[in-house]
Amino acid sequence: MMPKVARIALLYDFYGKLLTDKQQNIIELYYNQDLSLGEIAEENGISRQAIHDIIKRAETTLEEYEEKLGMLKKYLVEKSVLDEIVDILSSSQPCEVKLNRIKAKINKLIRYSVE
């Protein structure tokens, strides 16, 4: 399982522009600039609780977009298969064996992209 911080960062990369400007700003400060709730609250002139609530709402919204669109899941599957292809190319197997294994991986990507 991916750490929460990494997951939210990736979800933000995919869906961040769909959040409100305020949510985008606060997510940027909290996850990308690693500011505390207190620091963000002071900078925005609102309470720590309000910042916490905005972050939780934004996280929920990002997860809902992922549930509906699945872009992160697709990205992770594609990245995994491409990493496997790189490993195959780096192996000491004969070229014909490499080629057959790579063809199988590419077919897996094609099948997955159609689903």
C-alpha atoms as a PDB file:
ATOM      1  CA  MET A   1       0.000   0.000   0.000  1.00  0.00           C
ATOM      2  CA  MET A   2       1.215   3.453  -0.896  1.00  0.00           C
ATOM      3  CA  PRO A   3       1.819   5.949   1.944  1.00  0.00           C
ATOM      4  CA  LYS A   4      -1.016   8.466   2.313  1.00  0.00           C
ATOM      5  CA  VAL A   5       1.203  11.471   1.562  1.00  0.00           C
ATOM      6  CA  ALA A   6       2.406   9.928  -1.700  1.00  0.00           C
ATOM      7  CA  ARG A   7      -1.131   8.906  -2.690  1.00  0.00           C
ATOM      8  CA  ILE A   8      -2.586  12.374  -2.045  1.00  0.00           C
ATOM      9  CA  ALA A   9       0.326  13.964  -3.931  1.00  0.00           C
ATOM     10  CA  LEU A  10      -0.367  11.756  -6.964  1.00  0.00           C
ATOM     11  CA  LEU A  11      -4.115  12.301  -6.750  1.00  0.00           C
ATOM     12  CA  TYR A  12      -3.435  16.022  -6.580  1.00  0.00           C
ATOM     13  CA  ASP A  13      -1.264  15.768  -9.715  1.00  0.00           C
ATOM     14  CA  PHE A  14      -4.154  14.133 -11.573  1.00  0.00           C
ATOM     15  CA  TYR A  15      -7.161  15.976 -10.167  1.00  0.00           C
ATOM     16  CA  GLY A  16      -5.862  19.048  -8.334  1.00  0.00           C
ATOM     17  CA  LYS A  17      -7.164  21.521 -10.888  1.00  0.00           C
ATOM     18  CA  LEU A  18     -10.683  20.273 -10.130  1.00  0.00           C
ATOM     19  CA  LEU A  19     -10.451  21.498  -6.528  1.00  0.00           C
ATOM     20  CA  THR A  20     -11.385  25.025  -5.505  1.00  0.00           C
ATOM     21  CA  ASP A  21      -8.607  27.620  -5.560  1.00  0.00           C
ATOM     22  CA  LYS A  22      -8.576  27.663  -1.744  1.00  0.00           C
ATOM     23  CA  GLN A  23      -8.337  23.859  -1.536  1.00  0.00           C
ATOM     24  CA  GLN A  24      -5.534  23.852  -4.104  1.00  0.00           C
ATOM     25  CA  ASN A  25      -3.601  26.470  -2.176  1.00  0.00           C
ATOM     26  CA  ILE A  26      -3.958  24.688   1.160  1.00  0.00           C
ATOM     27  CA  ILE A  27      -3.126  21.248  -0.267  1.00  0.00           C
ATOM     28  CA  GLU A  28      -0.043  22.762  -1.904  1.00  0.00           C
ATOM     29  CA  LEU A  29       1.070  24.294   1.395  1.00  0.00           C
ATOM     30  CA  TYR A  30       0.345  21.198   3.467  1.00  0.00           C
ATOM     31  CA  TYR A  31       1.590  18.408   1.194  1.00  0.00           C
ATOM     32  CA  ASN A  32       4.081  20.046  -1.152  1.00  0.00           C
ATOM     33  CA  GLN A  33       5.609  22.679   1.118  1.00  0.00           C
ATOM     34  CA  ASP A  34       5.172  20.615   4.308  1.00  0.00           C
ATOM     35  CA  LEU A  35       3.741  23.490   6.360  1.00  0.00           C
ATOM     36  CA  SER A  36       1.918  22.688   9.586  1.00  0.00           C
ATOM     37  CA  LEU A  37      -1.777  23.341  10.123  1.00  0.00           C
ATOM     38  CA  GLY A  38      -0.821  26.230  12.411  1.00  0.00           C
ATOM     39  CA  GLU A  39       1.470  27.811   9.828  1.00  0.00           C
ATOM     40  CA  ILE A  40      -1.161  27.539   7.112  1.00  0.00           C
ATOM     41  CA  ALA A  41      -3.860  28.880   9.450  1.00  0.00           C
ATOM     42  CA  GLU A  42      -1.718  31.882  10.356  1.00  0.00           C
ATOM     43  CA  GLU A  43      -0.903  32.574   6.711  1.00  0.00           C
ATOM     44  CA  ASN A  44      -4.601  32.404   5.731  1.00  0.00           C
ATOM     45  CA  GLY A  45      -6.014  34.153   8.791  1.00  0.00           C
ATOM     46  CA  ILE A  46      -8.288  31.246   9.762  1.00  0.00           C
ATOM     47  CA  SER A  47      -8.282  28.578  12.470  1.00  0.00           C
ATOM     48  CA  ARG A  48      -6.287  25.351  12.473  1.00  0.00           C
ATOM     49  CA  GLN A  49      -9.601  23.477  12.571  1.00  0.00           C
ATOM     50  CA  ALA A  50     -10.776  25.246   9.421  1.00  0.00           C
ATOM     51  CA  ILE A  51      -7.533  24.279   7.665  1.00  0.00           C
ATOM     52  CA  HIS A  52      -7.941  20.685   8.848  1.00  0.00           C
ATOM     53  CA  ASP A  53     -11.522  20.612   7.539  1.00  0.00           C
ATOM     54  CA  ILE A  54     -10.482  22.027   4.143  1.00  0.00           C
ATOM     55  CA  ILE A  55      -7.722  19.433   3.829  1.00  0.00           C
ATOM     56  CA  LYS A  56     -10.071  16.566   4.725  1.00  0.00           C
ATOM     57  CA  ARG A  57     -12.716  17.806   2.258  1.00  0.00           C
ATOM     58  CA  ALA A  58     -10.097  18.142  -0.474  1.00  0.00           C
ATOM     59  CA  GLU A  59      -8.730  14.647   0.231  1.00  0.00           C
ATOM     60  CA  THR A  60     -12.248  13.214   0.094  1.00  0.00           C
ATOM     61  CA  THR A  61     -12.923  15.014  -3.172  1.00  0.00           C
ATOM     62  CA  LEU A  62      -9.672  13.717  -4.704  1.00  0.00           C
ATOM     63  CA  GLU A  63     -10.537  10.156  -3.639  1.00  0.00           C
ATOM     64  CA  GLU A  64     -14.028  10.531  -5.138  1.00  0.00           C
ATOM     65  CA  TYR A  65     -12.563  11.651  -8.463  1.00  0.00           C
ATOM     66  CA  GLU A  66     -10.239   8.639  -8.406  1.00  0.00           C
ATOM     67  CA  GLU A  67     -13.112   6.297  -7.618  1.00  0.00           C
ATOM     68  CA  LYS A  68     -15.042   7.613 -10.621  1.00  0.00           C
ATOM     69  CA  LEU A  69     -12.206   8.108 -13.117  1.00  0.00           C
ATOM     70  CA  GLY A  70      -9.449   5.719 -12.000  1.00  0.00           C
ATOM     71  CA  MET A  71      -6.590   7.665 -13.529  1.00  0.00           C
ATOM     72  CA  LEU A  72      -4.166   6.928 -10.679  1.00  0.00           C
ATOM     73  CA  LYS A  73      -4.933   3.211 -10.765  1.00  0.00           C
ATOM     74  CA  LYS A  74      -4.363   3.115 -14.518  1.00  0.00           C
ATOM     75  CA  TYR A  75      -1.129   5.079 -14.169  1.00  0.00           C
ATOM     76  CA  LEU A  76       0.191   2.696 -11.495  1.00  0.00           C
ATOM     77  CA  VAL A  77      -0.627  -0.393 -13.589  1.00  0.00           C
ATOM     78  CA  GLU A  78       1.011   1.120 -16.669  1.00  0.00           C
ATOM     79  CA  LYS A  79       4.084   2.172 -14.687  1.00  0.00           C
ATOM     80  CA  SER A  80       4.401  -1.306 -13.217  1.00  0.00           C
ATOM     81  CA  VAL A  81       4.248  -2.967 -16.632  1.00  0.00           C
ATOM     82  CA  LEU A  82       6.751  -0.496 -18.092  1.00  0.00           C
ATOM     83  CA  ASP A  83       9.097  -1.164 -15.151  1.00  0.00           C
ATOM     84  CA  GLU A  84       8.782  -4.890 -15.921  1.00  0.00           C
ATOM     85  CA  ILE A  85       9.668  -4.202 -19.561  1.00  0.00           C
ATOM     86  CA  VAL A  86      12.780  -2.286 -18.484  1.00  0.00           C
ATOM     87  CA  ASP A  87      13.757  -5.230 -16.266  1.00  0.00           C
ATOM     88  CA  ILE A  88      13.287  -7.623 -19.185  1.00  0.00           C
ATOM     89  CA  LEU A  89      15.459  -5.460 -21.414  1.00  0.00           C
ATOM     90  CA  SER A  90      18.145  -5.400 -18.709  1.00  0.00           C
ATOM     91  CA  SER A  91      18.135  -9.176 -18.308  1.00  0.00           C
ATOM     92  CA  SER A  92      20.648 -11.532 -19.866  1.00  0.00           C
ATOM     93  CA  GLN A  93      18.019 -13.624 -21.631  1.00  0.00           C
ATOM     94  CA  PRO A  94      18.313 -14.317 -25.358  1.00  0.00           C
ATOM     95  CA  CYS A  95      16.772 -11.648 -27.580  1.00  0.00           C
ATOM     96  CA  GLU A  96      13.929 -13.880 -28.775  1.00  0.00           C
ATOM     97  CA  VAL A  97      12.855 -14.644 -25.195  1.00  0.00           C
ATOM     98  CA  LYS A  98      13.036 -10.942 -24.304  1.00  0.00           C
ATOM     99  CA  LEU A  99      10.969 -10.048 -27.351  1.00  0.00           C
ATOM    100  CA  ASN A 100       8.243 -12.569 -26.497  1.00  0.00           C
ATOM    101  CA  ARG A 101       8.065 -11.394 -22.881  1.00  0.00           C
ATOM    102  CA  ILE A 102       7.929  -7.747 -23.963  1.00  0.00           C
ATOM    103  CA  LYS A 103       5.147  -8.514 -26.463  1.00  0.00           C
ATOM    104  CA  ALA A 104       3.158 -10.134 -23.643  1.00  0.00           C
ATOM    105  CA  LYS A 105       3.620  -7.059 -21.440  1.00  0.00           C
ATOM    106  CA  ILE A 106       2.571  -4.716 -24.235  1.00  0.00           C
ATOM    107  CA  ASN A 107      -0.522  -6.830 -24.862  1.00  0.00           C
ATOM    108  CA  LYS A 108      -1.310  -6.555 -21.141  1.00  0.00           C
ATOM    109  CA  LEU A 109      -1.129  -2.754 -21.437  1.00  0.00           C
ATOM    110  CA  ILE A 110      -3.370  -2.777 -24.489  1.00  0.00           C
ATOM    111  CA  ARG A 111      -5.961  -5.017 -22.803  1.00  0.00           C
ATOM    112  CA  TYR A 112      -5.907  -2.885 -19.667  1.00  0.00           C
ATOM    113  CA  SER A 113      -6.363   0.385 -21.585  1.00  0.00           C
ATOM    114  CA  VAL A 114      -9.500  -1.018 -23.257  1.00  0.00           C
ATOM    115  CA  GLU A 115     -11.180  -1.995 -19.966  1.00  0.00           C
END
